[in-house]
Amino acid sequence: MADMSSSATMNRFQEVCHALLRMVEERSPGLSQTLPSSFPGVDDTSRMSRSQLGVLISELQAVGWGALKRMDRLLKTDKHSKSFVTNSTELSMGLFKERCYEVVGILEEGAILAVRVQLQ
């Protein structure tokens, strides 16, 4: 995935994954909030060498996957899953769904997932 993605795409991936994790953590009482990762210089990579850019993209990907995996583990736990659903509104669930679809879109763009085909 990192080989086929730009730093901007990977930065967006880790931001959206962290936002999803944060939504789950906020709705589960007693959980500490995971702090967002900071990547200075991610907006201007023109001065980076190819290897530096590769390292940055790999780090962005690792942070995104980490947030996504933690969110998945939390939602697989009955206690947190029930808290998430109970403390969510229709609007927040819609936003959660949109962010999930955004992650799917990024994964499709990076050729990690096969592109979805809409059935008629």
PDB file of N, CA and C in Angstrom:
ATOM      1  N   MET A   1       0.829  -1.192   0.000  1.00  0.00           N
ATOM      2  CA  MET A   1       0.000   0.000   0.000  1.00  0.00           C
ATOM      3  C   MET A   1       0.868   1.248   0.000  1.00  0.00           C
ATOM      4  N   ALA A   2       1.905   1.246   0.835  1.00  0.00           N
ATOM      5  CA  ALA A   2       2.764   2.419   0.944  1.00  0.00           C
ATOM      6  C   ALA A   2       3.475   2.712  -0.374  1.00  0.00           C
ATOM      7  N   ASP A   3       3.785   1.659  -1.131  1.00  0.00           N
ATOM      8  CA  ASP A   3       4.482   1.843  -2.402  1.00  0.00           C
ATOM      9  C   ASP A   3       3.623   2.560  -3.433  1.00  0.00           C
ATOM     10  N   MET A   4       2.309   2.444  -3.308  1.00  0.00           N
ATOM     11  CA  MET A   4       1.412   2.980  -4.321  1.00  0.00           C
ATOM     12  C   MET A   4       0.689   4.245  -3.873  1.00  0.00           C
ATOM     13  N   SER A   5       1.041   4.776  -2.709  1.00  0.00           N
ATOM     14  CA  SER A   5       0.303   5.912  -2.164  1.00  0.00           C
ATOM     15  C   SER A   5       1.202   7.119  -1.951  1.00  0.00           C
ATOM     16  N   SER A   6       0.603   8.291  -2.051  1.00  0.00           N
ATOM     17  CA  SER A   6       1.335   9.529  -1.795  1.00  0.00           C
ATOM     18  C   SER A   6       1.333   9.812  -0.299  1.00  0.00           C
ATOM     19  N   SER A   7       2.197  10.719   0.112  1.00  0.00           N
ATOM     20  CA  SER A   7       2.235  11.087   1.531  1.00  0.00           C
ATOM     21  C   SER A   7       0.921  11.750   1.939  1.00  0.00           C
ATOM     22  N   ALA A   8       0.314  12.513   1.041  1.00  0.00           N
ATOM     23  CA  ALA A   8      -0.966  13.161   1.352  1.00  0.00           C
ATOM     24  C   ALA A   8      -2.062  12.116   1.569  1.00  0.00           C
ATOM     25  N   THR A   9      -2.081  11.083   0.730  1.00  0.00           N
ATOM     26  CA  THR A   9      -3.074  10.019   0.871  1.00  0.00           C
ATOM     27  C   THR A   9      -2.865   9.255   2.170  1.00  0.00           C
ATOM     28  N   MET A  10      -1.613   8.922   2.474  1.00  0.00           N
ATOM     29  CA  MET A  10      -1.329   8.189   3.707  1.00  0.00           C
ATOM     30  C   MET A  10      -1.602   9.042   4.939  1.00  0.00           C
ATOM     31  N   ASN A  11      -1.362  10.349   4.836  1.00  0.00           N
ATOM     32  CA  ASN A  11      -1.669  11.233   5.957  1.00  0.00           C
ATOM     33  C   ASN A  11      -3.177  11.260   6.188  1.00  0.00           C
ATOM     34  N   ARG A  12      -3.937  11.332   5.118  1.00  0.00           N
ATOM     35  CA  ARG A  12      -5.397  11.315   5.248  1.00  0.00           C
ATOM     36  C   ARG A  12      -5.859   9.979   5.833  1.00  0.00           C
ATOM     37  N   PHE A  13      -5.234   8.891   5.407  1.00  0.00           N
ATOM     38  CA  PHE A  13      -5.564   7.564   5.926  1.00  0.00           C
ATOM     39  C   PHE A  13      -5.385   7.515   7.438  1.00  0.00           C
ATOM     40  N   GLN A  14      -4.240   7.985   7.924  1.00  0.00           N
ATOM     41  CA  GLN A  14      -4.014   7.919   9.367  1.00  0.00           C
ATOM     42  C   GLN A  14      -4.919   8.885  10.117  1.00  0.00           C
ATOM     43  N   GLU A  15      -5.259  10.023   9.512  1.00  0.00           N
ATOM     44  CA  GLU A  15      -6.178  10.965  10.164  1.00  0.00           C
ATOM     45  C   GLU A  15      -7.583  10.367  10.307  1.00  0.00           C
ATOM     46  N   VAL A  16      -8.067   9.751   9.243  1.00  0.00           N
ATOM     47  CA  VAL A  16      -9.413   9.166   9.271  1.00  0.00           C
ATOM     48  C   VAL A  16      -9.454   7.974  10.228  1.00  0.00           C
ATOM     49  N   CYS A  17      -8.424   7.142  10.202  1.00  0.00           N
ATOM     50  CA  CYS A  17      -8.379   5.995  11.117  1.00  0.00           C
ATOM     51  C   CYS A  17      -8.359   6.466  12.567  1.00  0.00           C
ATOM     52  N   HIS A  18      -7.593   7.520  12.842  1.00  0.00           N
ATOM     53  CA  HIS A  18      -7.564   8.054  14.208  1.00  0.00           C
ATOM     54  C   HIS A  18      -8.924   8.643  14.582  1.00  0.00           C
ATOM     55  N   ALA A  19      -9.578   9.308  13.651  1.00  0.00           N
ATOM     56  CA  ALA A  19     -10.904   9.881  13.923  1.00  0.00           C
ATOM     57  C   ALA A  19     -11.910   8.778  14.257  1.00  0.00           C
ATOM     58  N   LEU A  20     -11.837   7.656  13.546  1.00  0.00           N
ATOM     59  CA  LEU A  20     -12.716   6.524  13.839  1.00  0.00           C
ATOM     60  C   LEU A  20     -12.437   5.969  15.233  1.00  0.00           C
ATOM     61  N   LEU A  21     -11.162   5.801  15.550  1.00  0.00           N
ATOM     62  CA  LEU A  21     -10.788   5.311  16.877  1.00  0.00           C
ATOM     63  C   LEU A  21     -11.284   6.259  17.954  1.00  0.00           C
ATOM     64  N   ARG A  22     -11.103   7.527  17.721  1.00  0.00           N
ATOM     65  CA  ARG A  22     -11.526   8.539  18.697  1.00  0.00           C
ATOM     66  C   ARG A  22     -13.039   8.480  18.935  1.00  0.00           C
ATOM     67  N   MET A  23     -13.800   8.272  17.874  1.00  0.00           N
ATOM     68  CA  MET A  23     -15.258   8.168  18.014  1.00  0.00           C
ATOM     69  C   MET A  23     -15.637   7.005  18.930  1.00  0.00           C
ATOM     70  N   VAL A  24     -14.945   5.884  18.779  1.00  0.00           N
ATOM     71  CA  VAL A  24     -15.227   4.717  19.618  1.00  0.00           C
ATOM     72  C   VAL A  24     -14.793   4.989  21.056  1.00  0.00           C
ATOM     73  N   GLU A  25     -13.602   5.550  21.234  1.00  0.00           N
ATOM     74  CA  GLU A  25     -13.092   5.826  22.583  1.00  0.00           C
ATOM     75  C   GLU A  25     -13.971   6.829  23.330  1.00  0.00           C
ATOM     76  N   GLU A  26     -14.445   7.851  22.639  1.00  0.00           N
ATOM     77  CA  GLU A  26     -15.273   8.878  23.279  1.00  0.00           C
ATOM     78  C   GLU A  26     -16.596   8.316  23.782  1.00  0.00           C
ATOM     79  N   ARG A  27     -17.083   7.282  23.149  1.00  0.00           N
ATOM     80  CA  ARG A  27     -18.387   6.731  23.513  1.00  0.00           C
ATOM     81  C   ARG A  27     -18.285   5.543  24.468  1.00  0.00           C
ATOM     82  N   SER A  28     -17.066   5.209  24.867  1.00  0.00           N
ATOM     83  CA  SER A  28     -16.852   4.105  25.805  1.00  0.00           C
ATOM     84  C   SER A  28     -16.282   4.665  27.100  1.00  0.00           C
ATOM     85  N   PRO A  29     -17.117   4.826  28.128  1.00  0.00           N
ATOM     86  CA  PRO A  29     -16.655   5.404  29.394  1.00  0.00           C
ATOM     87  C   PRO A  29     -15.484   4.618  29.986  1.00  0.00           C
ATOM     88  N   GLY A  30     -14.534   5.361  30.526  1.00  0.00           N
ATOM     89  CA  GLY A  30     -13.393   4.743  31.183  1.00  0.00           C
ATOM     90  C   GLY A  30     -12.196   4.499  30.286  1.00  0.00           C
ATOM     91  N   LEU A  31     -12.357   4.671  28.989  1.00  0.00           N
ATOM     92  CA  LEU A  31     -11.222   4.480  28.080  1.00  0.00           C
ATOM     93  C   LEU A  31     -10.413   5.765  27.984  1.00  0.00           C
ATOM     94  N   SER A  32      -9.100   5.613  27.983  1.00  0.00           N
ATOM     95  CA  SER A  32      -8.270   6.799  27.769  1.00  0.00           C
ATOM     96  C   SER A  32      -8.261   7.123  26.279  1.00  0.00           C
ATOM     97  N   GLN A  33      -8.121   8.397  25.978  1.00  0.00           N
ATOM     98  CA  GLN A  33      -8.127   8.858  24.589  1.00  0.00           C
ATOM     99  C   GLN A  33      -6.734   8.701  23.978  1.00  0.00           C
ATOM    100  N   THR A  34      -6.659   8.061  22.836  1.00  0.00           N
ATOM    101  CA  THR A  34      -5.404   7.939  22.113  1.00  0.00           C
ATOM    102  C   THR A  34      -5.073   9.293  21.507  1.00  0.00           C
ATOM    103  N   LEU A  35      -3.866   9.775  21.760  1.00  0.00           N
ATOM    104  CA  LEU A  35      -3.460  11.073  21.220  1.00  0.00           C
ATOM    105  C   LEU A  35      -3.157  10.947  19.732  1.00  0.00           C
ATOM    106  N   PRO A  36      -3.527  11.960  18.955  1.00  0.00           N
ATOM    107  CA  PRO A  36      -3.220  11.908  17.514  1.00  0.00           C
ATOM    108  C   PRO A  36      -1.720  12.029  17.287  1.00  0.00           C
ATOM    109  N   SER A  37      -1.242  11.366  16.266  1.00  0.00           N
ATOM    110  CA  SER A  37       0.173  11.444  15.911  1.00  0.00           C
ATOM    111  C   SER A  37       0.426  12.710  15.111  1.00  0.00           C
ATOM    112  N   SER A  38       1.608  13.249  15.278  1.00  0.00           N
ATOM    113  CA  SER A  38       1.981  14.467  14.560  1.00  0.00           C
ATOM    114  C   SER A  38       3.129  14.149  13.606  1.00  0.00           C
ATOM    115  N   PHE A  39       2.996  14.597  12.392  1.00  0.00           N
ATOM    116  CA  PHE A  39       4.022  14.378  11.380  1.00  0.00           C
ATOM    117  C   PHE A  39       4.409  15.717  10.767  1.00  0.00           C
ATOM    118  N   PRO A  40       5.346  16.432  11.405  1.00  0.00           N
ATOM    119  CA  PRO A  40       5.764  17.725  10.857  1.00  0.00           C
ATOM    120  C   PRO A  40       6.378  17.545   9.464  1.00  0.00           C
ATOM    121  N   GLY A  41       6.050  18.440   8.583  1.00  0.00           N
ATOM    122  CA  GLY A  41       6.612  18.404   7.241  1.00  0.00           C
ATOM    123  C   GLY A  41       5.865  17.520   6.269  1.00  0.00           C
ATOM    124  N   VAL A  42       4.774  16.902   6.709  1.00  0.00           N
ATOM    125  CA  VAL A  42       4.046  15.999   5.824  1.00  0.00           C
ATOM    126  C   VAL A  42       3.385  16.759   4.669  1.00  0.00           C
ATOM    127  N   ASP A  43       3.114  18.038   4.878  1.00  0.00           N
ATOM    128  CA  ASP A  43       2.471  18.835   3.829  1.00  0.00           C
ATOM    129  C   ASP A  43       3.442  19.304   2.751  1.00  0.00           C
ATOM    130  N   ASP A  44       4.734  19.339   3.073  1.00  0.00           N
ATOM    131  CA  ASP A  44       5.729  19.762   2.085  1.00  0.00           C
ATOM    132  C   ASP A  44       6.862  18.742   2.055  1.00  0.00           C
ATOM    133  N   THR A  45       6.739  17.786   1.171  1.00  0.00           N
ATOM    134  CA  THR A  45       7.744  16.727   1.074  1.00  0.00           C
ATOM    135  C   THR A  45       8.721  16.960  -0.078  1.00  0.00           C
ATOM    136  N   SER A  46       8.684  18.146  -0.667  1.00  0.00           N
ATOM    137  CA  SER A  46       9.512  18.423  -1.848  1.00  0.00           C
ATOM    138  C   SER A  46      11.008  18.366  -1.549  1.00  0.00           C
ATOM    139  N   ARG A  47      11.388  18.589  -0.317  1.00  0.00           N
ATOM    140  CA  ARG A  47      12.819  18.582   0.033  1.00  0.00           C
ATOM    141  C   ARG A  47      13.293  17.233   0.566  1.00  0.00           C
ATOM    142  N   MET A  48      12.398  16.283   0.631  1.00  0.00           N
ATOM    143  CA  MET A  48      12.763  14.960   1.142  1.00  0.00           C
ATOM    144  C   MET A  48      13.333  14.098   0.026  1.00  0.00           C
ATOM    145  N   SER A  49      14.293  13.264   0.415  1.00  0.00           N
ATOM    146  CA  SER A  49      14.819  12.295  -0.549  1.00  0.00           C
ATOM    147  C   SER A  49      13.789  11.179  -0.715  1.00  0.00           C
ATOM    148  N   ARG A  50      14.002  10.365  -1.708  1.00  0.00           N
ATOM    149  CA  ARG A  50      13.074   9.259  -1.968  1.00  0.00           C
ATOM    150  C   ARG A  50      12.994   8.314  -0.762  1.00  0.00           C
ATOM    151  N   SER A  51      14.137   8.049  -0.146  1.00  0.00           N
ATOM    152  CA  SER A  51      14.138   7.141   1.005  1.00  0.00           C
ATOM    153  C   SER A  51      13.449   7.772   2.215  1.00  0.00           C
ATOM    154  N   GLN A  52      13.659   9.076   2.430  1.00  0.00           N
ATOM    155  CA  GLN A  52      12.983   9.764   3.537  1.00  0.00           C
ATOM    156  C   GLN A  52      11.471   9.757   3.329  1.00  0.00           C
ATOM    157  N   LEU A  53      11.058   9.981   2.102  1.00  0.00           N
ATOM    158  CA  LEU A  53       9.636   9.971   1.778  1.00  0.00           C
ATOM    159  C   LEU A  53       9.046   8.578   2.000  1.00  0.00           C
ATOM    160  N   GLY A  54       9.795   7.558   1.626  1.00  0.00           N
ATOM    161  CA  GLY A  54       9.348   6.179   1.848  1.00  0.00           C
ATOM    162  C   GLY A  54       9.166   5.866   3.323  1.00  0.00           C
ATOM    163  N   VAL A  55      10.100   6.352   4.144  1.00  0.00           N
ATOM    164  CA  VAL A  55      10.007   6.147   5.595  1.00  0.00           C
ATOM    165  C   VAL A  55       8.778   6.865   6.146  1.00  0.00           C
ATOM    166  N   LEU A  56       8.561   8.102   5.716  1.00  0.00           N
ATOM    167  CA  LEU A  56       7.405   8.875   6.174  1.00  0.00           C
ATOM    168  C   LEU A  56       6.098   8.173   5.814  1.00  0.00           C
ATOM    169  N   ILE A  57       5.986   7.737   4.574  1.00  0.00           N
ATOM    170  CA  ILE A  57       4.765   7.070   4.121  1.00  0.00           C
ATOM    171  C   ILE A  57       4.536   5.777   4.904  1.00  0.00           C
ATOM    172  N   SER A  58       5.605   5.027   5.159  1.00  0.00           N
ATOM    173  CA  SER A  58       5.480   3.791   5.945  1.00  0.00           C
ATOM    174  C   SER A  58       5.033   4.079   7.372  1.00  0.00           C
ATOM    175  N   GLU A  59       5.560   5.154   7.961  1.00  0.00           N
ATOM    176  CA  GLU A  59       5.159   5.525   9.324  1.00  0.00           C
ATOM    177  C   GLU A  59       3.692   5.953   9.365  1.00  0.00           C
ATOM    178  N   LEU A  60       3.266   6.724   8.371  1.00  0.00           N
ATOM    179  CA  LEU A  60       1.865   7.142   8.294  1.00  0.00           C
ATOM    180  C   LEU A  60       0.949   5.923   8.175  1.00  0.00           C
ATOM    181  N   GLN A  61       1.357   4.982   7.344  1.00  0.00           N
ATOM    182  CA  GLN A  61       0.572   3.763   7.161  1.00  0.00           C
ATOM    183  C   GLN A  61       0.506   2.967   8.459  1.00  0.00           C
ATOM    184  N   ALA A  62       1.632   2.817   9.149  1.00  0.00           N
ATOM    185  CA  ALA A  62       1.672   2.050  10.402  1.00  0.00           C
ATOM    186  C   ALA A  62       0.776   2.678  11.467  1.00  0.00           C
ATOM    187  N   VAL A  63       0.799   3.999  11.566  1.00  0.00           N
ATOM    188  CA  VAL A  63      -0.043   4.695  12.549  1.00  0.00           C
ATOM    189  C   VAL A  63      -1.521   4.498  12.212  1.00  0.00           C
ATOM    190  N   GLY A  64      -1.860   4.610  10.937  1.00  0.00           N
ATOM    191  CA  GLY A  64      -3.245   4.399  10.514  1.00  0.00           C
ATOM    192  C   GLY A  64      -3.729   2.990  10.808  1.00  0.00           C
ATOM    193  N   TRP A  65      -2.909   1.990  10.448  1.00  0.00           N
ATOM    194  CA  TRP A  65      -3.289   0.600  10.709  1.00  0.00           C
ATOM    195  C   TRP A  65      -3.421   0.354  12.207  1.00  0.00           C
ATOM    196  N   GLY A  66      -2.521   0.947  12.986  1.00  0.00           N
ATOM    197  CA  GLY A  66      -2.585   0.779  14.442  1.00  0.00           C
ATOM    198  C   GLY A  66      -3.898   1.287  15.010  1.00  0.00           C
ATOM    199  N   ALA A  67      -4.323   2.459  14.560  1.00  0.00           N
ATOM    200  CA  ALA A  67      -5.589   3.034  15.032  1.00  0.00           C
ATOM    201  C   ALA A  67      -6.767   2.170  14.593  1.00  0.00           C
ATOM    202  N   LEU A  68      -6.712   1.706  13.355  1.00  0.00           N
ATOM    203  CA  LEU A  68      -7.797   0.871  12.830  1.00  0.00           C
ATOM    204  C   LEU A  68      -7.894  -0.451  13.597  1.00  0.00           C
ATOM    205  N   LYS A  69      -6.744  -1.052  13.895  1.00  0.00           N
ATOM    206  CA  LYS A  69      -6.727  -2.318  14.633  1.00  0.00           C
ATOM    207  C   LYS A  69      -7.226  -2.134  16.063  1.00  0.00           C
ATOM    208  N   ARG A  70      -6.834  -1.039  16.712  1.00  0.00           N
ATOM    209  CA  ARG A  70      -7.310  -0.789  18.082  1.00  0.00           C
ATOM    210  C   ARG A  70      -8.829  -0.591  18.080  1.00  0.00           C
ATOM    211  N   MET A  71      -9.325   0.170  17.109  1.00  0.00           N
ATOM    212  CA  MET A  71     -10.771   0.377  17.007  1.00  0.00           C
ATOM    213  C   MET A  71     -11.483  -0.961  16.821  1.00  0.00           C
ATOM    214  N   ASP A  72     -10.943  -1.804  15.974  1.00  0.00           N
ATOM    215  CA  ASP A  72     -11.531  -3.114  15.714  1.00  0.00           C
ATOM    216  C   ASP A  72     -11.552  -3.965  16.985  1.00  0.00           C
ATOM    217  N   ARG A  73     -10.443  -3.975  17.725  1.00  0.00           N
ATOM    218  CA  ARG A  73     -10.386  -4.735  18.982  1.00  0.00           C
ATOM    219  C   ARG A  73     -11.428  -4.226  19.978  1.00  0.00           C
ATOM    220  N   LEU A  74     -11.562  -2.904  20.071  1.00  0.00           N
ATOM    221  CA  LEU A  74     -12.539  -2.333  21.001  1.00  0.00           C
ATOM    222  C   LEU A  74     -13.962  -2.727  20.625  1.00  0.00           C
ATOM    223  N   LEU A  75     -14.273  -2.641  19.344  1.00  0.00           N
ATOM    224  CA  LEU A  75     -15.636  -2.952  18.910  1.00  0.00           C
ATOM    225  C   LEU A  75     -15.954  -4.444  18.972  1.00  0.00           C
ATOM    226  N   LYS A  76     -14.931  -5.281  19.050  1.00  0.00           N
ATOM    227  CA  LYS A  76     -15.153  -6.722  19.205  1.00  0.00           C
ATOM    228  C   LYS A  76     -15.413  -7.097  20.661  1.00  0.00           C
ATOM    229  N   THR A  77     -15.194  -6.157  21.569  1.00  0.00           N
ATOM    230  CA  THR A  77     -15.469  -6.373  22.988  1.00  0.00           C
ATOM    231  C   THR A  77     -16.902  -5.939  23.258  1.00  0.00           C
ATOM    232  N   ASP A  78     -17.698  -6.835  23.818  1.00  0.00           N
ATOM    233  CA  ASP A  78     -19.120  -6.541  24.056  1.00  0.00           C
ATOM    234  C   ASP A  78     -19.336  -5.236  24.805  1.00  0.00           C
ATOM    235  N   LYS A  79     -18.578  -5.035  25.855  1.00  0.00           N
ATOM    236  CA  LYS A  79     -18.748  -3.839  26.692  1.00  0.00           C
ATOM    237  C   LYS A  79     -18.601  -2.561  25.870  1.00  0.00           C
ATOM    238  N   HIS A  80     -17.534  -2.484  25.089  1.00  0.00           N
ATOM    239  CA  HIS A  80     -17.264  -1.275  24.306  1.00  0.00           C
ATOM    240  C   HIS A  80     -18.204  -1.154  23.109  1.00  0.00           C
ATOM    241  N   SER A  81     -18.538  -2.271  22.526  1.00  0.00           N
ATOM    242  CA  SER A  81     -19.459  -2.259  21.389  1.00  0.00           C
ATOM    243  C   SER A  81     -20.831  -1.736  21.815  1.00  0.00           C
ATOM    244  N   LYS A  82     -21.313  -2.233  22.948  1.00  0.00           N
ATOM    245  CA  LYS A  82     -22.618  -1.785  23.450  1.00  0.00           C
ATOM    246  C   LYS A  82     -22.579  -0.313  23.843  1.00  0.00           C
ATOM    247  N   SER A  83     -21.481   0.121  24.473  1.00  0.00           N
ATOM    248  CA  SER A  83     -21.340   1.538  24.847  1.00  0.00           C
ATOM    249  C   SER A  83     -21.331   2.421  23.613  1.00  0.00           C
ATOM    250  N   PHE A  84     -20.621   1.967  22.584  1.00  0.00           N
ATOM    251  CA  PHE A  84     -20.533   2.744  21.350  1.00  0.00           C
ATOM    252  C   PHE A  84     -21.919   2.934  20.733  1.00  0.00           C
ATOM    253  N   VAL A  85     -22.670   1.863  20.633  1.00  0.00           N
ATOM    254  CA  VAL A  85     -24.003   1.935  20.032  1.00  0.00           C
ATOM    255  C   VAL A  85     -24.948   2.760  20.905  1.00  0.00           C
ATOM    256  N   THR A  86     -24.917   2.514  22.203  1.00  0.00           N
ATOM    257  CA  THR A  86     -25.816   3.216  23.129  1.00  0.00           C
ATOM    258  C   THR A  86     -25.570   4.717  23.142  1.00  0.00           C
ATOM    259  N   ASN A  87     -24.308   5.111  23.098  1.00  0.00           N
ATOM    260  CA  ASN A  87     -23.949   6.526  23.220  1.00  0.00           C
ATOM    261  C   ASN A  87     -23.831   7.248  21.881  1.00  0.00           C
ATOM    262  N   SER A  88     -24.226   6.597  20.809  1.00  0.00           N
ATOM    263  CA  SER A  88     -24.166   7.211  19.480  1.00  0.00           C
ATOM    264  C   SER A  88     -25.542   7.716  19.068  1.00  0.00           C
ATOM    265  N   THR A  89     -25.517   8.743  18.244  1.00  0.00           N
ATOM    266  CA  THR A  89     -26.754   9.268  17.669  1.00  0.00           C
ATOM    267  C   THR A  89     -26.822   8.831  16.206  1.00  0.00           C
ATOM    268  N   GLU A  90     -27.943   9.077  15.593  1.00  0.00           N
ATOM    269  CA  GLU A  90     -28.085   8.750  14.175  1.00  0.00           C
ATOM    270  C   GLU A  90     -27.065   9.541  13.349  1.00  0.00           C
ATOM    271  N   LEU A  91     -26.859  10.792  13.719  1.00  0.00           N
ATOM    272  CA  LEU A  91     -25.900  11.641  13.014  1.00  0.00           C
ATOM    273  C   LEU A  91     -24.469  11.121  13.178  1.00  0.00           C
ATOM    274  N   SER A  92     -24.095  10.768  14.420  1.00  0.00           N
ATOM    275  CA  SER A  92     -22.726  10.293  14.647  1.00  0.00           C
ATOM    276  C   SER A  92     -22.485   8.943  13.969  1.00  0.00           C
ATOM    277  N   MET A  93     -23.507   8.104  13.909  1.00  0.00           N
ATOM    278  CA  MET A  93     -23.356   6.821  13.210  1.00  0.00           C
ATOM    279  C   MET A  93     -23.217   7.042  11.703  1.00  0.00           C
ATOM    280  N   GLY A  94     -23.919   8.040  11.176  1.00  0.00           N
ATOM    281  CA  GLY A  94     -23.768   8.382   9.764  1.00  0.00           C
ATOM    282  C   GLY A  94     -22.360   8.855   9.459  1.00  0.00           C
ATOM    283  N   LEU A  95     -21.807   9.678  10.343  1.00  0.00           N
ATOM    284  CA  LEU A  95     -20.432  10.159  10.179  1.00  0.00           C
ATOM    285  C   LEU A  95     -19.444   9.001  10.284  1.00  0.00           C
ATOM    286  N   PHE A  96     -19.679   8.103  11.230  1.00  0.00           N
ATOM    287  CA  PHE A  96     -18.824   6.925  11.395  1.00  0.00           C
ATOM    288  C   PHE A  96     -18.820   6.101  10.107  1.00  0.00           C
ATOM    289  N   LYS A  97     -19.998   5.889   9.546  1.00  0.00           N
ATOM    290  CA  LYS A  97     -20.132   5.122   8.306  1.00  0.00           C
ATOM    291  C   LYS A  97     -19.391   5.808   7.156  1.00  0.00           C
ATOM    292  N   GLU A  98     -19.539   7.135   7.040  1.00  0.00           N
ATOM    293  CA  GLU A  98     -18.846   7.875   5.979  1.00  0.00           C
ATOM    294  C   GLU A  98     -17.336   7.728   6.100  1.00  0.00           C
ATOM    295  N   ARG A  99     -16.836   7.810   7.323  1.00  0.00           N
ATOM    296  CA  ARG A  99     -15.390   7.673   7.534  1.00  0.00           C
ATOM    297  C   ARG A  99     -14.920   6.255   7.210  1.00  0.00           C
ATOM    298  N   CYS A 100     -15.730   5.270   7.544  1.00  0.00           N
ATOM    299  CA  CYS A 100     -15.378   3.888   7.194  1.00  0.00           C
ATOM    300  C   CYS A 100     -15.298   3.729   5.676  1.00  0.00           C
ATOM    301  N   TYR A 101     -16.271   4.305   4.974  1.00  0.00           N
ATOM    302  CA  TYR A 101     -16.242   4.245   3.513  1.00  0.00           C
ATOM    303  C   TYR A 101     -15.042   5.003   2.943  1.00  0.00           C
ATOM    304  N   GLU A 102     -14.631   6.072   3.607  1.00  0.00           N
ATOM    305  CA  GLU A 102     -13.445   6.796   3.146  1.00  0.00           C
ATOM    306  C   GLU A 102     -12.204   5.915   3.269  1.00  0.00           C
ATOM    307  N   VAL A 103     -12.093   5.171   4.370  1.00  0.00           N
ATOM    308  CA  VAL A 103     -10.967   4.244   4.536  1.00  0.00           C
ATOM    309  C   VAL A 103     -11.008   3.186   3.438  1.00  0.00           C
ATOM    310  N   VAL A 104     -12.187   2.650   3.157  1.00  0.00           N
ATOM    311  CA  VAL A 104     -12.329   1.654   2.091  1.00  0.00           C
ATOM    312  C   VAL A 104     -11.875   2.252   0.760  1.00  0.00           C
ATOM    313  N   GLY A 105     -12.262   3.492   0.488  1.00  0.00           N
ATOM    314  CA  GLY A 105     -11.847   4.157  -0.749  1.00  0.00           C
ATOM    315  C   GLY A 105     -10.337   4.305  -0.852  1.00  0.00           C
ATOM    316  N   ILE A 106      -9.701   4.661   0.252  1.00  0.00           N
ATOM    317  CA  ILE A 106      -8.240   4.796   0.260  1.00  0.00           C
ATOM    318  C   ILE A 106      -7.592   3.437   0.019  1.00  0.00           C
ATOM    319  N   LEU A 107      -8.132   2.389   0.629  1.00  0.00           N
ATOM    320  CA  LEU A 107      -7.584   1.041   0.442  1.00  0.00           C
ATOM    321  C   LEU A 107      -7.785   0.557  -0.990  1.00  0.00           C
ATOM    322  N   GLU A 108      -8.904   0.908  -1.591  1.00  0.00           N
ATOM    323  CA  GLU A 108      -9.131   0.554  -2.998  1.00  0.00           C
ATOM    324  C   GLU A 108      -8.152   1.303  -3.893  1.00  0.00           C
ATOM    325  N   GLU A 109      -7.954   2.573  -3.593  1.00  0.00           N
ATOM    326  CA  GLU A 109      -7.029   3.395  -4.373  1.00  0.00           C
ATOM    327  C   GLU A 109      -5.608   2.850  -4.289  1.00  0.00           C
ATOM    328  N   GLY A 110      -5.244   2.317  -3.134  1.00  0.00           N
ATOM    329  CA  GLY A 110      -3.912   1.748  -2.939  1.00  0.00           C
ATOM    330  C   GLY A 110      -3.809   0.304  -3.390  1.00  0.00           C
ATOM    331  N   ALA A 111      -4.862  -0.211  -4.016  1.00  0.00           N
ATOM    332  CA  ALA A 111      -4.912  -1.578  -4.546  1.00  0.00           C
ATOM    333  C   ALA A 111      -4.798  -2.634  -3.449  1.00  0.00           C
ATOM    334  N   ILE A 112      -5.210  -2.285  -2.228  1.00  0.00           N
ATOM    335  CA  ILE A 112      -5.244  -3.253  -1.136  1.00  0.00           C
ATOM    336  C   ILE A 112      -6.554  -4.036  -1.202  1.00  0.00           C
ATOM    337  N   LEU A 113      -7.625  -3.347  -1.531  1.00  0.00           N
ATOM    338  CA  LEU A 113      -8.934  -3.976  -1.708  1.00  0.00           C
ATOM    339  C   LEU A 113      -9.327  -3.889  -3.174  1.00  0.00           C
ATOM    340  N   ALA A 114     -10.063  -4.889  -3.620  1.00  0.00           N
ATOM    341  CA  ALA A 114     -10.602  -4.822  -4.975  1.00  0.00           C
ATOM    342  C   ALA A 114     -11.695  -3.757  -4.994  1.00  0.00           C
ATOM    343  N   VAL A 115     -11.775  -3.032  -6.072  1.00  0.00           N
ATOM    344  CA  VAL A 115     -12.777  -1.982  -6.214  1.00  0.00           C
ATOM    345  C   VAL A 115     -14.161  -2.611  -6.172  1.00  0.00           C
ATOM    346  N   ARG A 116     -15.046  -1.987  -5.397  1.00  0.00           N
ATOM    347  CA  ARG A 116     -16.421  -2.484  -5.269  1.00  0.00           C
ATOM    348  C   ARG A 116     -17.185  -2.263  -6.566  1.00  0.00           C
ATOM    349  N   VAL A 117     -18.029  -3.209  -6.888  1.00  0.00           N
ATOM    350  CA  VAL A 117     -18.892  -3.097  -8.057  1.00  0.00           C
ATOM    351  C   VAL A 117     -20.320  -3.014  -7.546  1.00  0.00           C
ATOM    352  N   GLN A 118     -21.024  -1.987  -7.977  1.00  0.00           N
ATOM    353  CA  GLN A 118     -22.404  -1.818  -7.537  1.00  0.00           C
ATOM    354  C   GLN A 118     -23.311  -2.724  -8.352  1.00  0.00           C
ATOM    355  N   LEU A 119     -24.128  -3.488  -7.644  1.00  0.00           N
ATOM    356  CA  LEU A 119     -25.078  -4.372  -8.317  1.00  0.00           C
ATOM    357  C   LEU A 119     -26.323  -3.589  -8.674  1.00  0.00           C
ATOM    358  N   GLN A 120     -26.832  -3.822  -9.858  1.00  0.00           N
ATOM    359  CA  GLN A 120     -28.042  -3.130 -10.321  1.00  0.00           C
ATOM    360  C   GLN A 120     -29.266  -3.918  -9.975  1.00  0.00           C
TER     361      GLN A 120
END
